[in-house]
Amino acid sequence: MTATKSLERRGTAQLTAAMALSGTLGVFVVESGAAAFNVVFFRVLFGALALGAYAFARGYFRDHGLTPKKVGLAALGGLFIVFNWVFLFKAYEATSISLATVVYHTQPFFLVLLSALVLRERLTRSQLGWLVVAFAGLVLVSGVRPGDAGSLAGIGLALLAAVLYALSTLVTKRVTGVRPHLIALIQVVVGIPLLLPFTDFGAMRGTGAGWAWLAGLGVIHTGLMYVLMYAAYAKLPTAKIAVLAFTYPAVAMVADWAVYGHHIGPVQALGVPLIVLASLRVTLAPARAARPAPRTAAPAAEAVSPTATRAVSTG
């Protein structure tokens, strides 16, 4: 086995593990029992501690490549990221983890649209066609519970989260020459003062076992998950990253069914592959021009890198 093949297999294992962890995100959020703003506040708090400790241990604070402009852009991306999490977690409350996650994966299309509007990038006929396909899938998915205002609200919240994720990607893709771990660290640190006014500490009294779930969101779903993702990006072509990204919604749907008994209906089942197929086609289109995934990305995703994390949205 060549060294390249060995690296790719390792990267595949790392990204698959990261996406599988992402798929359990909704369960951690729901089991914490906390309101969305409280969940995100403690996620960024514990996540900052985890990422900060990792970056310090690896010596990433030396020769970091940060400038005031880059810090500002990373911080702006952080604003979009943390509120993207808030709306996604509110979507879990309003509907189901499965439905919210599938709708959330429309974010590549918002990235394409925002790039056309803000950066004046050309929107091709092919991209428009796949946007129509994705919209058709979204209509089918949203028809799972006709007349259910909660489901419609959840879909709207998930779409808003997807828009914010795309905005974060658009901003953060301009931060180059900086390790993605540091960009992620800046973004979660920025989230602490941003969310402080919205956090109800009084409601956290008697949280009990919920603290373990909140700590898990920070250490596992923000610290460990991003370390695995960024390690994998440097080893994998963008096409493989795009395909492996759909481990996330697949695991989320299985977890939602296994833990809460939520399952997709036949109408929703028709819409899911349309969104997945259209998302893959839109994501992989630029991969022909730029094969390898970039080494300097930022999170969403939940992750936010320009080309790599354009294929990977991680709640």
C-alpha atoms as a PDB file:
ATOM      1  CA  MET A   1       0.000   0.000   0.000  1.00  0.00           C
ATOM      2  CA  THR A   2       1.413   3.391  -0.992  1.00  0.00           C
ATOM      3  CA  ALA A   3       1.835   6.170   1.558  1.00  0.00           C
ATOM      4  CA  THR A   4      -0.860   8.214  -0.227  1.00  0.00           C
ATOM      5  CA  LYS A   5      -3.374   5.374  -0.048  1.00  0.00           C
ATOM      6  CA  SER A   6      -2.559   4.808   3.606  1.00  0.00           C
ATOM      7  CA  LEU A   7      -3.096   8.495   4.382  1.00  0.00           C
ATOM      8  CA  GLU A   8      -6.385   8.486   2.488  1.00  0.00           C
ATOM      9  CA  ARG A   9      -7.639   5.446   4.382  1.00  0.00           C
ATOM     10  CA  ARG A  10      -6.719   7.109   7.660  1.00  0.00           C
ATOM     11  CA  GLY A  11      -8.442  10.312   6.594  1.00  0.00           C
ATOM     12  CA  THR A  12     -11.543   8.342   5.595  1.00  0.00           C
ATOM     13  CA  ALA A  13     -11.692   6.723   9.030  1.00  0.00           C
ATOM     14  CA  GLN A  14     -11.196  10.087  10.769  1.00  0.00           C
ATOM     15  CA  LEU A  15     -13.886  11.902   8.769  1.00  0.00           C
ATOM     16  CA  THR A  16     -16.336   9.013   9.066  1.00  0.00           C
ATOM     17  CA  ALA A  17     -15.850   9.076  12.841  1.00  0.00           C
ATOM     18  CA  ALA A  18     -16.320  12.869  12.911  1.00  0.00           C
ATOM     19  CA  MET A  19     -19.524  12.685  10.875  1.00  0.00           C
ATOM     20  CA  ALA A  20     -20.855   9.823  13.001  1.00  0.00           C
ATOM     21  CA  LEU A  21     -20.258  11.966  16.085  1.00  0.00           C
ATOM     22  CA  SER A  22     -22.113  14.830  14.362  1.00  0.00           C
ATOM     23  CA  GLY A  23     -25.055  12.510  13.876  1.00  0.00           C
ATOM     24  CA  THR A  24     -25.425  12.120  17.647  1.00  0.00           C
ATOM     25  CA  LEU A  25     -25.441  15.892  18.205  1.00  0.00           C
ATOM     26  CA  GLY A  26     -29.220  16.169  18.359  1.00  0.00           C
ATOM     27  CA  VAL A  27     -29.488  13.497  21.044  1.00  0.00           C
ATOM     28  CA  PHE A  28     -26.990  15.366  23.245  1.00  0.00           C
ATOM     29  CA  VAL A  29     -28.921  18.617  22.744  1.00  0.00           C
ATOM     30  CA  VAL A  30     -32.296  17.096  23.607  1.00  0.00           C
ATOM     31  CA  GLU A  31     -30.998  15.025  26.534  1.00  0.00           C
ATOM     32  CA  SER A  32     -29.335  18.069  28.114  1.00  0.00           C
ATOM     33  CA  GLY A  33     -32.830  19.388  28.786  1.00  0.00           C
ATOM     34  CA  ALA A  34     -31.634  22.986  28.421  1.00  0.00           C
ATOM     35  CA  ALA A  35     -33.022  25.768  26.218  1.00  0.00           C
ATOM     36  CA  ALA A  36     -31.262  26.421  22.906  1.00  0.00           C
ATOM     37  CA  PHE A  37     -29.380  29.557  23.988  1.00  0.00           C
ATOM     38  CA  ASN A  38     -28.173  27.844  27.170  1.00  0.00           C
ATOM     39  CA  VAL A  39     -27.066  24.768  25.216  1.00  0.00           C
ATOM     40  CA  VAL A  40     -25.044  26.827  22.732  1.00  0.00           C
ATOM     41  CA  PHE A  41     -23.490  28.977  25.465  1.00  0.00           C
ATOM     42  CA  PHE A  42     -22.137  25.965  27.331  1.00  0.00           C
ATOM     43  CA  ARG A  43     -21.164  24.282  24.071  1.00  0.00           C
ATOM     44  CA  VAL A  44     -18.931  27.223  23.136  1.00  0.00           C
ATOM     45  CA  LEU A  45     -17.613  27.488  26.704  1.00  0.00           C
ATOM     46  CA  PHE A  46     -16.608  23.823  26.987  1.00  0.00           C
ATOM     47  CA  GLY A  47     -15.580  23.799  23.319  1.00  0.00           C
ATOM     48  CA  ALA A  48     -13.243  26.767  23.817  1.00  0.00           C
ATOM     49  CA  LEU A  49     -11.561  24.982  26.722  1.00  0.00           C
ATOM     50  CA  ALA A  50     -11.157  21.774  24.694  1.00  0.00           C
ATOM     51  CA  LEU A  51      -9.885  23.446  21.512  1.00  0.00           C
ATOM     52  CA  GLY A  52      -7.674  25.846  23.474  1.00  0.00           C
ATOM     53  CA  ALA A  53      -6.035  22.971  25.361  1.00  0.00           C
ATOM     54  CA  TYR A  54      -5.463  21.041  22.121  1.00  0.00           C
ATOM     55  CA  ALA A  55      -4.023  24.056  20.273  1.00  0.00           C
ATOM     56  CA  PHE A  56      -1.729  24.836  23.208  1.00  0.00           C
ATOM     57  CA  ALA A  57      -0.530  21.227  23.488  1.00  0.00           C
ATOM     58  CA  ARG A  58       0.253  21.128  19.757  1.00  0.00           C
ATOM     59  CA  GLY A  59       2.052  24.480  19.821  1.00  0.00           C
ATOM     60  CA  TYR A  60      -0.388  26.138  17.399  1.00  0.00           C
ATOM     61  CA  PHE A  61      -0.166  29.489  19.174  1.00  0.00           C
ATOM     62  CA  ARG A  62       3.410  29.879  17.874  1.00  0.00           C
ATOM     63  CA  ASP A  63       3.695  31.270  14.340  1.00  0.00           C
ATOM     64  CA  HIS A  64      -0.099  31.439  14.201  1.00  0.00           C
ATOM     65  CA  GLY A  65      -0.317  33.710  11.161  1.00  0.00           C
ATOM     66  CA  LEU A  66      -3.141  35.767  12.655  1.00  0.00           C
ATOM     67  CA  THR A  67      -3.568  39.466  11.860  1.00  0.00           C
ATOM     68  CA  PRO A  68      -6.236  41.892  13.146  1.00  0.00           C
ATOM     69  CA  LYS A  69      -8.109  41.547   9.841  1.00  0.00           C
ATOM     70  CA  LYS A  70      -8.046  37.746   9.985  1.00  0.00           C
ATOM     71  CA  VAL A  71      -9.175  37.749  13.611  1.00  0.00           C
ATOM     72  CA  GLY A  72     -12.017  40.114  12.685  1.00  0.00           C
ATOM     73  CA  LEU A  73     -13.162  37.907   9.812  1.00  0.00           C
ATOM     74  CA  ALA A  74     -12.966  34.773  11.980  1.00  0.00           C
ATOM     75  CA  ALA A  75     -14.962  36.564  14.694  1.00  0.00           C
ATOM     76  CA  LEU A  76     -17.639  37.616  12.185  1.00  0.00           C
ATOM     77  CA  GLY A  77     -17.831  34.018  11.014  1.00  0.00           C
ATOM     78  CA  GLY A  78     -18.177  33.031  14.671  1.00  0.00           C
ATOM     79  CA  LEU A  79     -21.197  35.314  15.072  1.00  0.00           C
ATOM     80  CA  PHE A  80     -22.950  33.487  12.229  1.00  0.00           C
ATOM     81  CA  ILE A  81     -21.849  30.064  13.489  1.00  0.00           C
ATOM     82  CA  VAL A  82     -23.088  30.385  17.066  1.00  0.00           C
ATOM     83  CA  PHE A  83     -26.504  31.694  16.022  1.00  0.00           C
ATOM     84  CA  ASN A  84     -26.638  28.972  13.364  1.00  0.00           C
ATOM     85  CA  TRP A  85     -26.379  26.491  16.249  1.00  0.00           C
ATOM     86  CA  VAL A  86     -29.082  28.315  18.206  1.00  0.00           C
ATOM     87  CA  PHE A  87     -31.594  28.096  15.352  1.00  0.00           C
ATOM     88  CA  LEU A  88     -30.674  24.489  14.530  1.00  0.00           C
ATOM     89  CA  PHE A  89     -31.194  23.449  18.159  1.00  0.00           C
ATOM     90  CA  LYS A  90     -34.495  25.339  18.246  1.00  0.00           C
ATOM     91  CA  ALA A  91     -35.464  23.380  15.122  1.00  0.00           C
ATOM     92  CA  TYR A  92     -34.860  20.150  17.052  1.00  0.00           C
ATOM     93  CA  GLU A  93     -37.346  21.371  19.667  1.00  0.00           C
ATOM     94  CA  ALA A  94     -39.976  22.411  17.112  1.00  0.00           C
ATOM     95  CA  THR A  95     -39.818  19.288  14.970  1.00  0.00           C
ATOM     96  CA  SER A  96     -37.628  16.159  14.957  1.00  0.00           C
ATOM     97  CA  ILE A  97     -33.846  15.723  14.768  1.00  0.00           C
ATOM     98  CA  SER A  98     -34.232  13.844  11.475  1.00  0.00           C
ATOM     99  CA  LEU A  99     -36.333  16.463   9.721  1.00  0.00           C
ATOM    100  CA  ALA A 100     -34.255  19.398  10.999  1.00  0.00           C
ATOM    101  CA  THR A 101     -31.006  17.711   9.932  1.00  0.00           C
ATOM    102  CA  VAL A 102     -32.214  16.928   6.408  1.00  0.00           C
ATOM    103  CA  VAL A 103     -33.462  20.493   5.882  1.00  0.00           C
ATOM    104  CA  TYR A 104     -30.232  21.884   7.356  1.00  0.00           C
ATOM    105  CA  HIS A 105     -28.294  20.109   4.618  1.00  0.00           C
ATOM    106  CA  THR A 106     -29.671  22.541   2.056  1.00  0.00           C
ATOM    107  CA  GLN A 107     -26.898  24.951   3.099  1.00  0.00           C
ATOM    108  CA  PRO A 108     -24.691  24.326  -0.007  1.00  0.00           C
ATOM    109  CA  PHE A 109     -27.428  25.935  -2.091  1.00  0.00           C
ATOM    110  CA  PHE A 110     -27.550  29.016   0.091  1.00  0.00           C
ATOM    111  CA  LEU A 111     -23.769  29.258  -0.263  1.00  0.00           C
ATOM    112  CA  VAL A 112     -24.132  29.208  -4.053  1.00  0.00           C
ATOM    113  CA  LEU A 113     -26.885  31.839  -3.971  1.00  0.00           C
ATOM    114  CA  LEU A 114     -25.033  34.090  -1.526  1.00  0.00           C
ATOM    115  CA  SER A 115     -21.839  33.807  -3.589  1.00  0.00           C
ATOM    116  CA  ALA A 116     -23.804  34.942  -6.632  1.00  0.00           C
ATOM    117  CA  LEU A 117     -25.429  37.838  -4.758  1.00  0.00           C
ATOM    118  CA  VAL A 118     -22.510  39.033  -2.640  1.00  0.00           C
ATOM    119  CA  LEU A 119     -19.415  38.035  -4.631  1.00  0.00           C
ATOM    120  CA  ARG A 120     -21.065  38.275  -8.049  1.00  0.00           C
ATOM    121  CA  GLU A 121     -20.003  34.713  -8.834  1.00  0.00           C
ATOM    122  CA  ARG A 122     -21.673  33.276 -11.915  1.00  0.00           C
ATOM    123  CA  LEU A 123     -24.694  31.072 -11.267  1.00  0.00           C
ATOM    124  CA  THR A 124     -24.747  28.368 -13.937  1.00  0.00           C
ATOM    125  CA  ARG A 125     -27.791  26.710 -15.460  1.00  0.00           C
ATOM    126  CA  SER A 126     -26.675  23.432 -13.920  1.00  0.00           C
ATOM    127  CA  GLN A 127     -26.585  24.966 -10.441  1.00  0.00           C
ATOM    128  CA  LEU A 128     -30.026  26.508 -10.954  1.00  0.00           C
ATOM    129  CA  GLY A 129     -31.341  23.136 -12.086  1.00  0.00           C
ATOM    130  CA  TRP A 130     -30.041  21.374  -8.989  1.00  0.00           C
ATOM    131  CA  LEU A 131     -31.467  24.158  -6.832  1.00  0.00           C
ATOM    132  CA  VAL A 132     -34.869  23.347  -8.293  1.00  0.00           C
ATOM    133  CA  VAL A 133     -34.335  19.644  -7.552  1.00  0.00           C
ATOM    134  CA  ALA A 134     -33.358  20.456  -3.966  1.00  0.00           C
ATOM    135  CA  PHE A 135     -36.416  22.679  -3.567  1.00  0.00           C
ATOM    136  CA  ALA A 136     -38.629  19.849  -4.811  1.00  0.00           C
ATOM    137  CA  GLY A 137     -37.025  17.560  -2.228  1.00  0.00           C
ATOM    138  CA  LEU A 138     -37.598  20.170   0.459  1.00  0.00           C
ATOM    139  CA  VAL A 139     -41.282  20.435  -0.454  1.00  0.00           C
ATOM    140  CA  LEU A 140     -41.645  16.664  -0.145  1.00  0.00           C
ATOM    141  CA  VAL A 141     -39.781  16.601   3.172  1.00  0.00           C
ATOM    142  CA  SER A 142     -41.859  19.434   4.611  1.00  0.00           C
ATOM    143  CA  GLY A 143     -45.068  17.575   3.738  1.00  0.00           C
ATOM    144  CA  VAL A 144     -44.396  14.828   6.276  1.00  0.00           C
ATOM    145  CA  ARG A 145     -46.744  16.340   8.837  1.00  0.00           C
ATOM    146  CA  PRO A 146     -49.347  18.363   6.945  1.00  0.00           C
ATOM    147  CA  GLY A 147     -51.008  21.026   9.045  1.00  0.00           C
ATOM    148  CA  ASP A 148     -48.443  20.665  11.823  1.00  0.00           C
ATOM    149  CA  ALA A 149     -47.383  24.224  12.671  1.00  0.00           C
ATOM    150  CA  GLY A 150     -44.511  22.873  14.801  1.00  0.00           C
ATOM    151  CA  SER A 151     -43.002  21.034  11.849  1.00  0.00           C
ATOM    152  CA  LEU A 152     -43.301  24.084   9.609  1.00  0.00           C
ATOM    153  CA  ALA A 153     -41.666  26.248  12.287  1.00  0.00           C
ATOM    154  CA  GLY A 154     -38.894  23.686  12.676  1.00  0.00           C
ATOM    155  CA  ILE A 155     -38.280  23.675   8.925  1.00  0.00           C
ATOM    156  CA  GLY A 156     -38.082  27.465   8.911  1.00  0.00           C
ATOM    157  CA  LEU A 157     -35.599  27.465  11.803  1.00  0.00           C
ATOM    158  CA  ALA A 158     -33.445  24.807  10.105  1.00  0.00           C
ATOM    159  CA  LEU A 159     -33.438  26.840   6.881  1.00  0.00           C
ATOM    160  CA  LEU A 160     -32.404  29.951   8.803  1.00  0.00           C
ATOM    161  CA  ALA A 161     -29.600  27.945  10.427  1.00  0.00           C
ATOM    162  CA  ALA A 162     -28.489  26.815   6.957  1.00  0.00           C
ATOM    163  CA  VAL A 163     -28.384  30.432   5.729  1.00  0.00           C
ATOM    164  CA  LEU A 164     -26.257  31.481   8.719  1.00  0.00           C
ATOM    165  CA  TYR A 165     -23.923  28.531   8.135  1.00  0.00           C
ATOM    166  CA  ALA A 166     -23.495  29.598   4.506  1.00  0.00           C
ATOM    167  CA  LEU A 167     -22.776  33.191   5.581  1.00  0.00           C
ATOM    168  CA  SER A 168     -20.121  31.943   7.994  1.00  0.00           C
ATOM    169  CA  THR A 169     -18.529  29.893   5.221  1.00  0.00           C
ATOM    170  CA  LEU A 170     -18.563  32.893   2.886  1.00  0.00           C
ATOM    171  CA  VAL A 171     -16.777  35.062   5.466  1.00  0.00           C
ATOM    172  CA  THR A 172     -14.357  32.478   6.801  1.00  0.00           C
ATOM    173  CA  LYS A 173     -13.147  31.347   3.372  1.00  0.00           C
ATOM    174  CA  ARG A 174     -11.274  34.676   3.240  1.00  0.00           C
ATOM    175  CA  VAL A 175      -9.139  33.683   6.250  1.00  0.00           C
ATOM    176  CA  THR A 176      -6.032  32.010   4.821  1.00  0.00           C
ATOM    177  CA  GLY A 177      -2.673  30.978   6.247  1.00  0.00           C
ATOM    178  CA  VAL A 178      -4.110  30.163   9.674  1.00  0.00           C
ATOM    179  CA  ARG A 179      -4.608  26.728  11.193  1.00  0.00           C
ATOM    180  CA  PRO A 180      -8.320  25.826  11.134  1.00  0.00           C
ATOM    181  CA  HIS A 181      -8.172  24.867  14.819  1.00  0.00           C
ATOM    182  CA  LEU A 182      -7.319  28.467  15.692  1.00  0.00           C
ATOM    183  CA  ILE A 183     -10.121  29.820  13.502  1.00  0.00           C
ATOM    184  CA  ALA A 184     -12.534  27.454  15.254  1.00  0.00           C
ATOM    185  CA  LEU A 185     -11.170  28.543  18.624  1.00  0.00           C
ATOM    186  CA  ILE A 186     -11.709  32.237  17.814  1.00  0.00           C
ATOM    187  CA  GLN A 187     -15.257  31.499  16.713  1.00  0.00           C
ATOM    188  CA  VAL A 188     -16.277  29.647  19.875  1.00  0.00           C
ATOM    189  CA  VAL A 189     -14.515  32.197  22.122  1.00  0.00           C
ATOM    190  CA  VAL A 190     -16.447  34.993  20.380  1.00  0.00           C
ATOM    191  CA  GLY A 191     -19.626  33.070  21.100  1.00  0.00           C
ATOM    192  CA  ILE A 192     -19.174  33.392  24.868  1.00  0.00           C
ATOM    193  CA  PRO A 193     -19.808  37.172  25.170  1.00  0.00           C
ATOM    194  CA  LEU A 194     -22.276  37.071  22.259  1.00  0.00           C
ATOM    195  CA  LEU A 195     -24.522  34.550  23.997  1.00  0.00           C
ATOM    196  CA  LEU A 196     -24.050  35.764  27.563  1.00  0.00           C
ATOM    197  CA  PRO A 197     -27.011  38.221  27.470  1.00  0.00           C
ATOM    198  CA  PHE A 198     -29.327  35.446  26.196  1.00  0.00           C
ATOM    199  CA  THR A 199     -28.259  32.772  28.682  1.00  0.00           C
ATOM    200  CA  ASP A 200     -30.588  31.992  31.589  1.00  0.00           C
ATOM    201  CA  PHE A 201     -28.288  30.724  34.331  1.00  0.00           C
ATOM    202  CA  GLY A 202     -31.185  30.472  36.768  1.00  0.00           C
ATOM    203  CA  ALA A 203     -32.780  27.832  34.541  1.00  0.00           C
ATOM    204  CA  MET A 204     -29.629  25.712  34.871  1.00  0.00           C
ATOM    205  CA  ARG A 205     -30.235  24.996  38.557  1.00  0.00           C
ATOM    206  CA  GLY A 206     -30.978  21.325  39.070  1.00  0.00           C
ATOM    207  CA  THR A 207     -29.649  20.405  35.627  1.00  0.00           C
ATOM    208  CA  GLY A 208     -28.000  17.332  37.151  1.00  0.00           C
ATOM    209  CA  ALA A 209     -27.005  14.765  34.518  1.00  0.00           C
ATOM    210  CA  GLY A 210     -27.684  17.385  31.836  1.00  0.00           C
ATOM    211  CA  TRP A 211     -24.258  18.881  32.579  1.00  0.00           C
ATOM    212  CA  ALA A 212     -22.617  15.714  31.240  1.00  0.00           C
ATOM    213  CA  TRP A 213     -24.502  16.103  27.954  1.00  0.00           C
ATOM    214  CA  LEU A 214     -23.519  19.786  27.744  1.00  0.00           C
ATOM    215  CA  ALA A 215     -19.876  18.987  28.462  1.00  0.00           C
ATOM    216  CA  GLY A 216     -20.069  16.314  25.765  1.00  0.00           C
ATOM    217  CA  LEU A 217     -21.286  18.883  23.244  1.00  0.00           C
ATOM    218  CA  GLY A 218     -18.231  21.015  23.957  1.00  0.00           C
ATOM    219  CA  VAL A 219     -15.543  18.366  24.354  1.00  0.00           C
ATOM    220  CA  ILE A 220     -16.808  15.722  21.899  1.00  0.00           C
ATOM    221  CA  HIS A 221     -18.873  17.597  19.304  1.00  0.00           C
ATOM    222  CA  THR A 222     -16.721  20.738  19.227  1.00  0.00           C
ATOM    223  CA  GLY A 223     -13.255  19.693  20.384  1.00  0.00           C
ATOM    224  CA  LEU A 224     -12.764  16.088  19.263  1.00  0.00           C
ATOM    225  CA  MET A 225     -15.017  16.307  16.208  1.00  0.00           C
ATOM    226  CA  TYR A 226     -13.235  19.304  14.704  1.00  0.00           C
ATOM    227  CA  VAL A 227      -9.803  17.840  15.404  1.00  0.00           C
ATOM    228  CA  LEU A 228     -10.835  14.685  13.502  1.00  0.00           C
ATOM    229  CA  MET A 229     -12.354  16.701  10.642  1.00  0.00           C
ATOM    230  CA  TYR A 230      -9.378  18.962  10.123  1.00  0.00           C
ATOM    231  CA  ALA A 231      -6.963  16.036  10.300  1.00  0.00           C
ATOM    232  CA  ALA A 232      -9.017  14.295   7.603  1.00  0.00           C
ATOM    233  CA  TYR A 233      -9.317  17.302   5.264  1.00  0.00           C
ATOM    234  CA  ALA A 234      -5.587  17.356   4.566  1.00  0.00           C
ATOM    235  CA  LYS A 235      -5.657  13.693   3.528  1.00  0.00           C
ATOM    236  CA  LEU A 236      -8.771  13.496   1.351  1.00  0.00           C
ATOM    237  CA  PRO A 237      -9.897  14.824  -2.035  1.00  0.00           C
ATOM    238  CA  THR A 238     -12.925  17.099  -1.901  1.00  0.00           C
ATOM    239  CA  ALA A 239     -15.090  14.534  -3.709  1.00  0.00           C
ATOM    240  CA  LYS A 240     -14.621  11.971  -0.943  1.00  0.00           C
ATOM    241  CA  ILE A 241     -15.243  14.602   1.738  1.00  0.00           C
ATOM    242  CA  ALA A 242     -18.543  15.456   0.045  1.00  0.00           C
ATOM    243  CA  VAL A 243     -19.694  11.848  -0.001  1.00  0.00           C
ATOM    244  CA  LEU A 244     -18.626  11.087   3.573  1.00  0.00           C
ATOM    245  CA  ALA A 245     -20.439  14.213   4.778  1.00  0.00           C
ATOM    246  CA  PHE A 246     -23.740  12.393   4.385  1.00  0.00           C
ATOM    247  CA  THR A 247     -22.758  10.020   7.167  1.00  0.00           C
ATOM    248  CA  TYR A 248     -23.967  12.861   9.429  1.00  0.00           C
ATOM    249  CA  PRO A 249     -27.661  12.960   8.400  1.00  0.00           C
ATOM    250  CA  ALA A 250     -27.761   9.170   8.051  1.00  0.00           C
ATOM    251  CA  VAL A 251     -26.543   8.658  11.628  1.00  0.00           C
ATOM    252  CA  ALA A 252     -28.809  11.476  12.873  1.00  0.00           C
ATOM    253  CA  MET A 253     -31.872   9.789  11.392  1.00  0.00           C
ATOM    254  CA  VAL A 254     -30.928   6.402  12.858  1.00  0.00           C
ATOM    255  CA  ALA A 255     -30.243   7.976  16.272  1.00  0.00           C
ATOM    256  CA  ASP A 256     -33.553   9.847  16.195  1.00  0.00           C
ATOM    257  CA  TRP A 257     -35.386   6.603  15.453  1.00  0.00           C
ATOM    258  CA  ALA A 258     -33.437   4.492  17.961  1.00  0.00           C
ATOM    259  CA  VAL A 259     -33.681   6.936  20.883  1.00  0.00           C
ATOM    260  CA  TYR A 260     -36.975   8.765  20.309  1.00  0.00           C
ATOM    261  CA  GLY A 261     -38.873   6.521  17.919  1.00  0.00           C
ATOM    262  CA  HIS A 262     -39.073   9.248  15.263  1.00  0.00           C
ATOM    263  CA  HIS A 263     -38.950   7.939  11.733  1.00  0.00           C
ATOM    264  CA  ILE A 264     -39.406   9.376   8.282  1.00  0.00           C
ATOM    265  CA  GLY A 265     -42.627   8.742   6.425  1.00  0.00           C
ATOM    266  CA  PRO A 266     -42.886   7.608   2.793  1.00  0.00           C
ATOM    267  CA  VAL A 267     -43.340  11.173   1.498  1.00  0.00           C
ATOM    268  CA  GLN A 268     -40.268  12.414   3.362  1.00  0.00           C
ATOM    269  CA  ALA A 269     -38.324   9.392   2.127  1.00  0.00           C
ATOM    270  CA  LEU A 270     -38.884  10.598  -1.433  1.00  0.00           C
ATOM    271  CA  GLY A 271     -37.553  14.057  -0.658  1.00  0.00           C
ATOM    272  CA  VAL A 272     -34.363  13.041   1.167  1.00  0.00           C
ATOM    273  CA  PRO A 273     -32.506  11.528  -1.836  1.00  0.00           C
ATOM    274  CA  LEU A 274     -33.392  14.566  -3.964  1.00  0.00           C
ATOM    275  CA  ILE A 275     -31.752  16.908  -1.439  1.00  0.00           C
ATOM    276  CA  VAL A 276     -28.753  14.573  -1.034  1.00  0.00           C
ATOM    277  CA  LEU A 277     -28.211  14.168  -4.783  1.00  0.00           C
ATOM    278  CA  ALA A 278     -28.594  17.877  -5.527  1.00  0.00           C
ATOM    279  CA  SER A 279     -26.288  18.794  -2.638  1.00  0.00           C
ATOM    280  CA  LEU A 280     -23.599  16.415  -3.882  1.00  0.00           C
ATOM    281  CA  ARG A 281     -23.808  17.750  -7.435  1.00  0.00           C
ATOM    282  CA  VAL A 282     -23.557  21.380  -6.331  1.00  0.00           C
ATOM    283  CA  THR A 283     -20.758  20.631  -3.856  1.00  0.00           C
ATOM    284  CA  LEU A 284     -18.676  18.554  -6.256  1.00  0.00           C
ATOM    285  CA  ALA A 285     -18.947  20.934  -9.206  1.00  0.00           C
ATOM    286  CA  PRO A 286     -15.875  23.040  -8.187  1.00  0.00           C
ATOM    287  CA  ALA A 287     -13.944  19.924  -7.147  1.00  0.00           C
ATOM    288  CA  ARG A 288     -12.985  19.276 -10.771  1.00  0.00           C
ATOM    289  CA  ALA A 289     -10.952  22.475 -10.750  1.00  0.00           C
ATOM    290  CA  ALA A 290      -9.487  22.043  -7.273  1.00  0.00           C
ATOM    291  CA  ARG A 291      -8.965  18.455  -6.275  1.00  0.00           C
ATOM    292  CA  PRO A 292      -7.394  18.478  -2.802  1.00  0.00           C
ATOM    293  CA  ALA A 293      -9.244  19.808   0.188  1.00  0.00           C
ATOM    294  CA  PRO A 294      -7.658  22.942   1.679  1.00  0.00           C
ATOM    295  CA  ARG A 295      -5.557  22.803   4.814  1.00  0.00           C
ATOM    296  CA  THR A 296      -6.808  26.126   6.121  1.00  0.00           C
ATOM    297  CA  ALA A 297     -10.486  25.828   6.786  1.00  0.00           C
ATOM    298  CA  ALA A 298     -12.762  26.881   9.589  1.00  0.00           C
ATOM    299  CA  PRO A 299     -15.637  25.159  11.360  1.00  0.00           C
ATOM    300  CA  ALA A 300     -19.019  24.481  10.971  1.00  0.00           C
ATOM    301  CA  ALA A 301     -20.280  23.199  10.899  1.00  0.00           C
ATOM    302  CA  GLU A 302     -21.817  22.261  12.787  1.00  0.00           C
ATOM    303  CA  ALA A 303     -17.550  23.514  10.658  1.00  0.00           C
ATOM    304  CA  VAL A 304     -16.942  26.250   8.127  1.00  0.00           C
ATOM    305  CA  SER A 305     -14.307  25.807   5.472  1.00  0.00           C
ATOM    306  CA  PRO A 306     -14.655  27.137   1.966  1.00  0.00           C
ATOM    307  CA  THR A 307     -14.393  24.024  -0.142  1.00  0.00           C
ATOM    308  CA  ALA A 308     -13.890  21.240   2.355  1.00  0.00           C
ATOM    309  CA  THR A 309     -16.632  22.211   4.756  1.00  0.00           C
ATOM    310  CA  ARG A 310     -18.828  23.323   1.957  1.00  0.00           C
ATOM    311  CA  ALA A 311     -19.354  19.585   1.701  1.00  0.00           C
ATOM    312  CA  VAL A 312     -19.530  19.079   5.432  1.00  0.00           C
ATOM    313  CA  SER A 313     -22.097  20.796   7.572  1.00  0.00           C
ATOM    314  CA  THR A 314     -21.906  19.722  11.185  1.00  0.00           C
ATOM    315  CA  GLY A 315     -24.462  21.310  13.341  1.00  0.00           C
END
